[in-house]
Amino acid sequence: MRHVWIRGILALVWLAAALISGGALYVIMGMVFLISAYSAWKREKNGKGED
């Protein structure tokens, strides 16, 4: 579960930096991190996690 929190926090920091700099690439990468964290969270919530 710890990696889910790390991905989520990383995504929020990345998106904040993207909003400040205004870079479209950073917004896309931040959204990819958020989707990754969300999918990992859903997998663990459903009991399909590897841990």
PDB file of N, CA and C in Angstrom:
ATOM      1  N   MET A   1       0.823  -1.194   0.000  1.00  0.00           N
ATOM      2  CA  MET A   1       0.000   0.000   0.000  1.00  0.00           C
ATOM      3  C   MET A   1       0.866   1.257   0.000  1.00  0.00           C
ATOM      4  N   ARG A   2       2.088   1.133   0.500  1.00  0.00           N
ATOM      5  CA  ARG A   2       2.973   2.293   0.584  1.00  0.00           C
ATOM      6  C   ARG A   2       3.283   2.853  -0.803  1.00  0.00           C
ATOM      7  N   HIS A   3       3.464   1.961  -1.805  1.00  0.00           N
ATOM      8  CA  HIS A   3       3.792   2.448  -3.142  1.00  0.00           C
ATOM      9  C   HIS A   3       2.637   3.220  -3.767  1.00  0.00           C
ATOM     10  N   VAL A   4       1.414   2.912  -3.363  1.00  0.00           N
ATOM     11  CA  VAL A   4       0.260   3.653  -3.865  1.00  0.00           C
ATOM     12  C   VAL A   4       0.316   5.091  -3.358  1.00  0.00           C
ATOM     13  N   TRP A   5       0.624   5.259  -2.087  1.00  0.00           N
ATOM     14  CA  TRP A   5       0.726   6.609  -1.517  1.00  0.00           C
ATOM     15  C   TRP A   5       1.870   7.378  -2.161  1.00  0.00           C
ATOM     16  N   ILE A   6       2.985   6.709  -2.398  1.00  0.00           N
ATOM     17  CA  ILE A   6       4.131   7.378  -3.016  1.00  0.00           C
ATOM     18  C   ILE A   6       3.776   7.839  -4.425  1.00  0.00           C
ATOM     19  N   ARG A   7       3.105   6.983  -5.191  1.00  0.00           N
ATOM     20  CA  ARG A   7       2.697   7.372  -6.545  1.00  0.00           C
ATOM     21  C   ARG A   7       1.716   8.534  -6.507  1.00  0.00           C
ATOM     22  N   GLY A   8       0.782   8.487  -5.590  1.00  0.00           N
ATOM     23  CA  GLY A   8      -0.205   9.564  -5.484  1.00  0.00           C
ATOM     24  C   GLY A   8       0.432  10.893  -5.124  1.00  0.00           C
ATOM     25  N   ILE A   9       1.330  10.877  -4.156  1.00  0.00           N
ATOM     26  CA  ILE A   9       2.013  12.106  -3.744  1.00  0.00           C
ATOM     27  C   ILE A   9       2.891  12.625  -4.874  1.00  0.00           C
ATOM     28  N   LEU A  10       3.601  11.722  -5.536  1.00  0.00           N
ATOM     29  CA  LEU A  10       4.437  12.120  -6.664  1.00  0.00           C
ATOM     30  C   LEU A  10       3.589  12.756  -7.766  1.00  0.00           C
ATOM     31  N   ALA A  11       2.431  12.198  -8.022  1.00  0.00           N
ATOM     32  CA  ALA A  11       1.545  12.748  -9.047  1.00  0.00           C
ATOM     33  C   ALA A  11       1.078  14.149  -8.679  1.00  0.00           C
ATOM     34  N   LEU A  12       0.717  14.360  -7.415  1.00  0.00           N
ATOM     35  CA  LEU A  12       0.260  15.686  -7.002  1.00  0.00           C
ATOM     36  C   LEU A  12       1.375  16.718  -7.077  1.00  0.00           C
ATOM     37  N   VAL A  13       2.575  16.341  -6.668  1.00  0.00           N
ATOM     38  CA  VAL A  13       3.716  17.259  -6.762  1.00  0.00           C
ATOM     39  C   VAL A  13       4.006  17.576  -8.228  1.00  0.00           C
ATOM     40  N   TRP A  14       3.969  16.552  -9.066  1.00  0.00           N
ATOM     41  CA  TRP A  14       4.240  16.729 -10.487  1.00  0.00           C
ATOM     42  C   TRP A  14       3.202  17.658 -11.115  1.00  0.00           C
ATOM     43  N   LEU A  15       1.926  17.467 -10.774  1.00  0.00           N
ATOM     44  CA  LEU A  15       0.883  18.325 -11.324  1.00  0.00           C
ATOM     45  C   LEU A  15       1.013  19.760 -10.830  1.00  0.00           C
ATOM     46  N   ALA A  16       1.387  19.947  -9.573  1.00  0.00           N
ATOM     47  CA  ALA A  16       1.591  21.300  -9.050  1.00  0.00           C
ATOM     48  C   ALA A  16       2.718  21.992  -9.812  1.00  0.00           C
ATOM     49  N   ALA A  17       3.805  21.283 -10.069  1.00  0.00           N
ATOM     50  CA  ALA A  17       4.911  21.858 -10.842  1.00  0.00           C
ATOM     51  C   ALA A  17       4.464  22.182 -12.264  1.00  0.00           C
ATOM     52  N   ALA A  18       3.615  21.344 -12.827  1.00  0.00           N
ATOM     53  CA  ALA A  18       3.124  21.579 -14.182  1.00  0.00           C
ATOM     54  C   ALA A  18       2.248  22.824 -14.241  1.00  0.00           C
ATOM     55  N   LEU A  19       1.420  23.016 -13.226  1.00  0.00           N
ATOM     56  CA  LEU A  19       0.560  24.197 -13.208  1.00  0.00           C
ATOM     57  C   LEU A  19       1.383  25.471 -13.066  1.00  0.00           C
ATOM     58  N   ILE A  20       2.449  25.395 -12.289  1.00  0.00           N
ATOM     59  CA  ILE A  20       3.302  26.567 -12.098  1.00  0.00           C
ATOM     60  C   ILE A  20       4.066  26.892 -13.382  1.00  0.00           C
ATOM     61  N   SER A  21       4.620  25.872 -14.023  1.00  0.00           N
ATOM     62  CA  SER A  21       5.422  26.107 -15.227  1.00  0.00           C
ATOM     63  C   SER A  21       4.568  26.182 -16.487  1.00  0.00           C
ATOM     64  N   GLY A  22       3.379  25.603 -16.442  1.00  0.00           N
ATOM     65  CA  GLY A  22       2.487  25.662 -17.595  1.00  0.00           C
ATOM     66  C   GLY A  22       2.851  24.699 -18.712  1.00  0.00           C
ATOM     67  N   GLY A  23       3.631  23.679 -18.414  1.00  0.00           N
ATOM     68  CA  GLY A  23       4.050  22.738 -19.449  1.00  0.00           C
ATOM     69  C   GLY A  23       3.017  21.645 -19.672  1.00  0.00           C
ATOM     70  N   ALA A  24       2.586  21.482 -20.899  1.00  0.00           N
ATOM     71  CA  ALA A  24       1.583  20.469 -21.226  1.00  0.00           C
ATOM     72  C   ALA A  24       2.128  19.058 -21.003  1.00  0.00           C
ATOM     73  N   LEU A  25       3.401  18.840 -21.285  1.00  0.00           N
ATOM     74  CA  LEU A  25       4.002  17.520 -21.080  1.00  0.00           C
ATOM     75  C   LEU A  25       3.941  17.128 -19.612  1.00  0.00           C
ATOM     76  N   TYR A  26       4.192  18.098 -18.733  1.00  0.00           N
ATOM     77  CA  TYR A  26       4.157  17.816 -17.305  1.00  0.00           C
ATOM     78  C   TYR A  26       2.743  17.475 -16.842  1.00  0.00           C
ATOM     79  N   VAL A  27       1.754  18.129 -17.413  1.00  0.00           N
ATOM     80  CA  VAL A  27       0.368  17.821 -17.060  1.00  0.00           C
ATOM     81  C   VAL A  27       0.037  16.393 -17.479  1.00  0.00           C
ATOM     82  N   ILE A  28       0.450  16.017 -18.669  1.00  0.00           N
ATOM     83  CA  ILE A  28       0.194  14.655 -19.152  1.00  0.00           C
ATOM     84  C   ILE A  28       0.893  13.630 -18.267  1.00  0.00           C
ATOM     85  N   MET A  29       2.155  13.877 -17.923  1.00  0.00           N
ATOM     86  CA  MET A  29       2.891  12.938 -17.071  1.00  0.00           C
ATOM     87  C   MET A  29       2.273  12.852 -15.678  1.00  0.00           C
ATOM     88  N   GLY A  30       1.824  13.961 -15.148  1.00  0.00           N
ATOM     89  CA  GLY A  30       1.162  13.948 -13.846  1.00  0.00           C
ATOM     90  C   GLY A  30      -0.113  13.129 -13.875  1.00  0.00           C
ATOM     91  N   MET A  31      -0.866  13.249 -14.950  1.00  0.00           N
ATOM     92  CA  MET A  31      -2.095  12.469 -15.075  1.00  0.00           C
ATOM     93  C   MET A  31      -1.778  10.981 -15.214  1.00  0.00           C
ATOM     94  N   VAL A  32      -0.691  10.652 -15.895  1.00  0.00           N
ATOM     95  CA  VAL A  32      -0.282   9.247 -16.010  1.00  0.00           C
ATOM     96  C   VAL A  32       0.058   8.680 -14.636  1.00  0.00           C
ATOM     97  N   PHE A  33       0.779   9.470 -13.819  1.00  0.00           N
ATOM     98  CA  PHE A  33       1.096   9.033 -12.460  1.00  0.00           C
ATOM     99  C   PHE A  33      -0.178   8.839 -11.639  1.00  0.00           C
ATOM    100  N   LEU A  34      -1.129   9.759 -11.768  1.00  0.00           N
ATOM    101  CA  LEU A  34      -2.381   9.635 -11.018  1.00  0.00           C
ATOM    102  C   LEU A  34      -3.158   8.392 -11.438  1.00  0.00           C
ATOM    103  N   ILE A  35      -3.237   8.145 -12.716  1.00  0.00           N
ATOM    104  CA  ILE A  35      -3.941   6.956 -13.207  1.00  0.00           C
ATOM    105  C   ILE A  35      -3.249   5.693 -12.716  1.00  0.00           C
ATOM    106  N   SER A  36      -1.927   5.701 -12.714  1.00  0.00           N
ATOM    107  CA  SER A  36      -1.164   4.554 -12.223  1.00  0.00           C
ATOM    108  C   SER A  36      -1.436   4.301 -10.743  1.00  0.00           C
ATOM    109  N   ALA A  37      -1.437   5.365  -9.951  1.00  0.00           N
ATOM    110  CA  ALA A  37      -1.708   5.221  -8.521  1.00  0.00           C
ATOM    111  C   ALA A  37      -3.134   4.738  -8.290  1.00  0.00           C
ATOM    112  N   TYR A  38      -4.082   5.263  -9.060  1.00  0.00           N
ATOM    113  CA  TYR A  38      -5.480   4.869  -8.900  1.00  0.00           C
ATOM    114  C   TYR A  38      -5.683   3.402  -9.268  1.00  0.00           C
ATOM    115  N   SER A  39      -5.068   2.966 -10.361  1.00  0.00           N
ATOM    116  CA  SER A  39      -5.238   1.569 -10.764  1.00  0.00           C
ATOM    117  C   SER A  39      -4.588   0.625  -9.757  1.00  0.00           C
ATOM    118  N   ALA A  40      -3.441   1.009  -9.200  1.00  0.00           N
ATOM    119  CA  ALA A  40      -2.799   0.181  -8.173  1.00  0.00           C
ATOM    120  C   ALA A  40      -3.660   0.128  -6.919  1.00  0.00           C
ATOM    121  N   TRP A  41      -4.275   1.244  -6.573  1.00  0.00           N
ATOM    122  CA  TRP A  41      -5.148   1.291  -5.398  1.00  0.00           C
ATOM    123  C   TRP A  41      -6.366   0.398  -5.601  1.00  0.00           C
ATOM    124  N   LYS A  42      -6.973   0.452  -6.786  1.00  0.00           N
ATOM    125  CA  LYS A  42      -8.139  -0.383  -7.074  1.00  0.00           C
ATOM    126  C   LYS A  42      -7.765  -1.863  -7.048  1.00  0.00           C
ATOM    127  N   ARG A  43      -6.585  -2.208  -7.583  1.00  0.00           N
ATOM    128  CA  ARG A  43      -6.138  -3.600  -7.578  1.00  0.00           C
ATOM    129  C   ARG A  43      -5.989  -4.110  -6.159  1.00  0.00           C
ATOM    130  N   GLU A  44      -5.373  -3.308  -5.288  1.00  0.00           N
ATOM    131  CA  GLU A  44      -5.183  -3.730  -3.899  1.00  0.00           C
ATOM    132  C   GLU A  44      -6.504  -3.764  -3.146  1.00  0.00           C
ATOM    133  N   LYS A  45      -7.391  -2.842  -3.457  1.00  0.00           N
ATOM    134  CA  LYS A  45      -8.688  -2.794  -2.787  1.00  0.00           C
ATOM    135  C   LYS A  45      -9.507  -4.042  -3.116  1.00  0.00           C
ATOM    136  N   ASN A  46      -9.376  -4.535  -4.332  1.00  0.00           N
ATOM    137  CA  ASN A  46     -10.114  -5.721  -4.751  1.00  0.00           C
ATOM    138  C   ASN A  46      -9.431  -7.019  -4.335  1.00  0.00           C
ATOM    139  N   GLY A  47      -8.296  -6.920  -3.661  1.00  0.00           N
ATOM    140  CA  GLY A  47      -7.598  -8.114  -3.197  1.00  0.00           C
ATOM    141  C   GLY A  47      -6.769  -8.794  -4.259  1.00  0.00           C
ATOM    142  N   LYS A  48      -6.498  -8.091  -5.353  1.00  0.00           N
ATOM    143  CA  LYS A  48      -5.717  -8.674  -6.437  1.00  0.00           C
ATOM    144  C   LYS A  48      -4.274  -8.203  -6.411  1.00  0.00           C
ATOM    145  N   GLY A  49      -3.859  -7.544  -5.352  1.00  0.00           N
ATOM    146  CA  GLY A  49      -2.488  -7.040  -5.246  1.00  0.00           C
ATOM    147  C   GLY A  49      -1.490  -8.165  -5.082  1.00  0.00           C
ATOM    148  N   GLU A  50      -0.240  -7.883  -5.381  1.00  0.00           N
ATOM    149  CA  GLU A  50       0.805  -8.897  -5.302  1.00  0.00           C
ATOM    150  C   GLU A  50       1.376  -9.019  -3.908  1.00  0.00           C
ATOM    151  N   ASP A  51       1.157  -8.034  -3.046  1.00  0.00           N
ATOM    152  CA  ASP A  51       1.743  -8.051  -1.695  1.00  0.00           C
ATOM    153  C   ASP A  51       0.995  -8.965  -0.760  1.00  0.00           C
TER     154      ASP A  51
END
